[in-house]
């Protein structure tokens, strides 16, 4: 098994058997919210670059509403975030 971390330095857009891969992006901040709106998960990150005023919101499209709810729940569990009233 290849455990090489893909970074900008070694990123050549290929992985196993030539399949495309995405580079790893280092984040300095922490996840502050994760919830689903229908079949989309929103993951809110505080200060991804370590600055005091920036933030980033990831949108993850899922196959179903229940899949999105489960993924959002796992993000909250991992980052010890209380469940919000935004969950579907």
Protein backbone atom coordinates (compact mmCIF):
# COMPACT_ATOMS: atom_id res chain seq x y z
CA UNK A 1 0.00 0.00 0.00
CA UNK A 2 1.34 3.42 -0.95
CA UNK A 3 1.24 5.84 2.01
CA UNK A 4 2.74 8.83 0.20
CA UNK A 5 0.96 12.05 1.09
CA UNK A 6 0.07 14.05 -1.97
CA UNK A 7 1.33 17.60 -1.64
CA UNK A 8 1.89 20.42 -4.05
CA UNK A 9 5.55 19.36 -4.27
CA UNK A 10 4.84 15.81 -5.47
CA UNK A 11 1.47 16.37 -7.13
CA UNK A 12 1.39 14.98 -10.65
CA UNK A 13 -2.39 14.40 -10.95
CA UNK A 14 -2.09 10.60 -10.97
CA UNK A 15 -2.59 7.96 -8.31
CA UNK A 16 -3.05 4.21 -8.43
CA UNK A 17 -2.97 2.96 -11.99
CA UNK A 18 -3.01 6.53 -13.32
CA UNK A 19 -6.27 7.55 -11.61
CA UNK A 20 -6.48 11.30 -10.93
CA UNK A 21 -5.92 12.45 -7.34
CA UNK A 22 -6.36 15.74 -5.55
CA UNK A 23 -3.60 17.49 -3.61
CA UNK A 24 -3.72 17.63 0.17
CA UNK A 25 -4.40 21.13 1.48
CA UNK A 26 -2.95 21.93 4.89
CA UNK A 27 -5.42 23.75 7.13
CA UNK A 28 -4.43 25.67 10.27
CA UNK A 29 -7.94 26.31 11.64
CA UNK A 30 -10.58 24.00 13.02
CA UNK A 31 -14.03 22.85 11.97
CA UNK A 32 -16.66 24.90 13.82
CA UNK A 33 -19.89 23.63 12.21
CA UNK A 34 -21.07 20.69 10.12
CA UNK A 35 -24.66 20.26 9.05
CA UNK A 36 -26.74 19.10 6.13
CA UNK A 37 -29.23 21.03 4.04
CA UNK A 38 -31.01 18.33 2.14
CA UNK A 39 -28.43 16.14 0.41
CA UNK A 40 -25.61 18.67 0.82
CA UNK A 41 -23.21 18.78 3.78
CA UNK A 42 -21.78 22.16 4.78
CA UNK A 43 -18.52 22.09 6.71
CA UNK A 44 -17.51 25.46 8.17
CA UNK A 45 -13.82 25.94 8.96
CA UNK A 46 -12.52 28.77 11.09
CA UNK A 47 -9.30 30.41 9.96
CA UNK A 48 -8.00 27.80 7.47
CA UNK A 49 -4.76 29.79 7.04
CA UNK A 50 -4.28 30.58 10.71
CA UNK A 51 -5.35 34.22 10.33
CA UNK A 52 -7.94 35.81 12.56
CA UNK A 53 -10.47 37.01 9.99
CA UNK A 54 -10.71 34.32 7.32
CA UNK A 55 -12.94 31.27 7.09
CA UNK A 56 -13.88 28.61 4.56
CA UNK A 57 -17.08 26.67 3.86
CA UNK A 58 -16.90 23.31 2.10
CA UNK A 59 -19.98 21.92 0.29
CA UNK A 60 -20.16 18.15 -0.11
CA UNK A 61 -22.91 16.81 -2.37
CA UNK A 62 -24.28 13.44 -1.22
CA UNK A 63 -26.57 10.89 -2.83
CA UNK A 64 -29.38 11.20 -0.28
CA UNK A 65 -30.54 13.42 2.57
CA UNK A 66 -29.92 10.62 5.08
CA UNK A 67 -26.37 10.09 3.80
CA UNK A 68 -25.68 13.82 4.22
CA UNK A 69 -27.10 13.77 7.76
CA UNK A 70 -24.87 10.82 8.70
CA UNK A 71 -21.74 12.46 7.24
CA UNK A 72 -22.47 15.76 9.02
CA UNK A 73 -22.95 13.82 12.26
CA UNK A 74 -19.58 12.11 11.84
CA UNK A 75 -17.86 15.46 11.26
CA UNK A 76 -19.47 16.84 14.45
CA UNK A 77 -18.42 13.76 16.40
CA UNK A 78 -14.82 14.00 15.18
CA UNK A 79 -14.53 17.70 16.02
CA UNK A 80 -16.63 17.53 19.22
CA UNK A 81 -19.24 19.96 17.90
CA UNK A 82 -22.73 19.89 19.43
CA UNK A 83 -25.59 19.01 17.09
CA UNK A 84 -27.28 22.09 15.70
CA UNK A 85 -30.86 22.85 14.85
CA UNK A 86 -29.83 22.99 11.17
CA UNK A 87 -29.85 19.21 10.72
CA UNK A 88 -32.52 17.93 8.41
